[in-house]
């Protein structure tokens, strides 16, 4: 690991849990899947797709209300400050 990578890792590890989780998610999402040599778990992929369908159905039927984007971002910012 380069000194820069070590410094970034050290800073990241000092963040609150929620911030680290968000950062990890953003980093993972930034990886080009076609350039990674990772095994694809088809069962997991199917489970994610089913969960996405279930969540969309909950939104469409009104079971889960949608929130305005500004409100979501305000909540997110408050959590990141904790």
C-alpha atoms as a PDB file:
ATOM      1  CA  UNK A   1       0.000   0.000   0.000  1.00  0.00           C
ATOM      2  CA  UNK A   2       1.388   3.392  -0.940  1.00  0.00           C
ATOM      3  CA  UNK A   3       1.870   6.141   1.663  1.00  0.00           C
ATOM      4  CA  UNK A   4      -1.032   8.062   0.107  1.00  0.00           C
ATOM      5  CA  UNK A   5      -3.293   5.014   0.315  1.00  0.00           C
ATOM      6  CA  UNK A   6      -2.272   4.470   3.943  1.00  0.00           C
ATOM      7  CA  UNK A   7      -3.023   8.112   4.762  1.00  0.00           C
ATOM      8  CA  UNK A   8      -6.436   7.968   3.075  1.00  0.00           C
ATOM      9  CA  UNK A   9      -7.245   4.703   4.847  1.00  0.00           C
ATOM     10  CA  UNK A  10      -6.208   6.147   8.193  1.00  0.00           C
ATOM     11  CA  UNK A  11      -8.419   9.188   7.679  1.00  0.00           C
ATOM     12  CA  UNK A  12     -11.328   7.037   6.511  1.00  0.00           C
ATOM     13  CA  UNK A  13     -11.057   4.750   9.539  1.00  0.00           C
ATOM     14  CA  UNK A  14     -11.268   7.757  11.851  1.00  0.00           C
ATOM     15  CA  UNK A  15     -14.702   8.722  10.465  1.00  0.00           C
ATOM     16  CA  UNK A  16     -17.950   7.902  12.278  1.00  0.00           C
ATOM     17  CA  UNK A  17     -19.526   4.552  11.399  1.00  0.00           C
ATOM     18  CA  UNK A  18     -22.229   6.012   9.151  1.00  0.00           C
ATOM     19  CA  UNK A  19     -19.665   8.061   7.227  1.00  0.00           C
ATOM     20  CA  UNK A  20     -17.439   5.015   6.756  1.00  0.00           C
ATOM     21  CA  UNK A  21     -20.393   2.979   5.507  1.00  0.00           C
ATOM     22  CA  UNK A  22     -21.345   5.705   3.031  1.00  0.00           C
ATOM     23  CA  UNK A  23     -17.753   6.036   1.842  1.00  0.00           C
ATOM     24  CA  UNK A  24     -17.390   2.269   1.434  1.00  0.00           C
ATOM     25  CA  UNK A  25     -20.597   2.154  -0.572  1.00  0.00           C
ATOM     26  CA  UNK A  26     -19.487   5.011  -2.831  1.00  0.00           C
ATOM     27  CA  UNK A  27     -16.083   3.417  -3.389  1.00  0.00           C
ATOM     28  CA  UNK A  28     -17.626   0.021  -4.184  1.00  0.00           C
ATOM     29  CA  UNK A  29     -20.107   1.623  -6.607  1.00  0.00           C
ATOM     30  CA  UNK A  30     -17.231   3.385  -8.381  1.00  0.00           C
ATOM     31  CA  UNK A  31     -15.496   0.116  -9.306  1.00  0.00           C
ATOM     32  CA  UNK A  32     -15.950  -0.897 -12.950  1.00  0.00           C
ATOM     33  CA  UNK A  33     -17.514  -4.343 -12.701  1.00  0.00           C
ATOM     34  CA  UNK A  34     -16.205  -5.412 -16.104  1.00  0.00           C
ATOM     35  CA  UNK A  35     -12.618  -4.801 -14.931  1.00  0.00           C
ATOM     36  CA  UNK A  36     -12.884  -6.745 -11.681  1.00  0.00           C
ATOM     37  CA  UNK A  37     -12.065 -10.401 -11.358  1.00  0.00           C
ATOM     38  CA  UNK A  38     -14.801 -11.126  -8.829  1.00  0.00           C
ATOM     39  CA  UNK A  39     -17.048 -14.149  -8.782  1.00  0.00           C
ATOM     40  CA  UNK A  40     -20.703 -13.279  -9.324  1.00  0.00           C
ATOM     41  CA  UNK A  41     -23.062 -14.927  -6.899  1.00  0.00           C
ATOM     42  CA  UNK A  42     -26.197 -15.404  -8.980  1.00  0.00           C
ATOM     43  CA  UNK A  43     -28.266 -16.210  -5.904  1.00  0.00           C
ATOM     44  CA  UNK A  44     -27.277 -12.904  -4.355  1.00  0.00           C
ATOM     45  CA  UNK A  45     -27.919 -11.048  -7.602  1.00  0.00           C
ATOM     46  CA  UNK A  46     -31.421 -12.602  -7.782  1.00  0.00           C
ATOM     47  CA  UNK A  47     -32.074 -11.700  -4.140  1.00  0.00           C
ATOM     48  CA  UNK A  48     -31.111  -8.064  -4.805  1.00  0.00           C
ATOM     49  CA  UNK A  49     -33.377  -7.952  -7.851  1.00  0.00           C
ATOM     50  CA  UNK A  50     -36.275  -9.427  -5.865  1.00  0.00           C
ATOM     51  CA  UNK A  51     -35.704  -6.939  -3.051  1.00  0.00           C
ATOM     52  CA  UNK A  52     -35.696  -4.073  -5.562  1.00  0.00           C
ATOM     53  CA  UNK A  53     -38.981  -5.338  -7.062  1.00  0.00           C
ATOM     54  CA  UNK A  54     -40.530  -5.660  -3.604  1.00  0.00           C
ATOM     55  CA  UNK A  55     -39.457  -2.150  -2.639  1.00  0.00           C
ATOM     56  CA  UNK A  56     -40.768  -0.694  -5.894  1.00  0.00           C
ATOM     57  CA  UNK A  57     -44.110  -2.426  -5.329  1.00  0.00           C
ATOM     58  CA  UNK A  58     -44.261  -0.971  -1.802  1.00  0.00           C
ATOM     59  CA  UNK A  59     -43.750   2.509  -3.257  1.00  0.00           C
ATOM     60  CA  UNK A  60     -46.253   1.979  -6.070  1.00  0.00           C
ATOM     61  CA  UNK A  61     -48.964   0.710  -3.699  1.00  0.00           C
ATOM     62  CA  UNK A  62     -48.385   3.544  -1.234  1.00  0.00           C
ATOM     63  CA  UNK A  63     -47.194   1.235   1.541  1.00  0.00           C
ATOM     64  CA  UNK A  64     -43.961   3.228   1.692  1.00  0.00           C
ATOM     65  CA  UNK A  65     -44.266   6.986   1.174  1.00  0.00           C
ATOM     66  CA  UNK A  66     -41.796   8.880  -0.963  1.00  0.00           C
ATOM     67  CA  UNK A  67     -39.993  11.834   0.573  1.00  0.00           C
ATOM     68  CA  UNK A  68     -38.955  15.055  -1.163  1.00  0.00           C
ATOM     69  CA  UNK A  69     -35.295  15.014  -2.170  1.00  0.00           C
ATOM     70  CA  UNK A  70     -34.506  18.086  -0.055  1.00  0.00           C
ATOM     71  CA  UNK A  71     -35.834  16.354   3.059  1.00  0.00           C
ATOM     72  CA  UNK A  72     -33.829  13.207   2.334  1.00  0.00           C
ATOM     73  CA  UNK A  73     -30.639  15.220   1.857  1.00  0.00           C
ATOM     74  CA  UNK A  74     -31.278  17.203   5.069  1.00  0.00           C
ATOM     75  CA  UNK A  75     -31.681  13.940   7.013  1.00  0.00           C
ATOM     76  CA  UNK A  76     -28.551  12.526   5.390  1.00  0.00           C
ATOM     77  CA  UNK A  77     -26.475  15.603   6.257  1.00  0.00           C
ATOM     78  CA  UNK A  78     -27.644  15.537   9.879  1.00  0.00           C
ATOM     79  CA  UNK A  79     -26.669  11.849  10.170  1.00  0.00           C
ATOM     80  CA  UNK A  80     -23.249  12.510   8.651  1.00  0.00           C
ATOM     81  CA  UNK A  81     -22.598  15.213  11.258  1.00  0.00           C
ATOM     82  CA  UNK A  82     -23.203  12.812  14.148  1.00  0.00           C
END
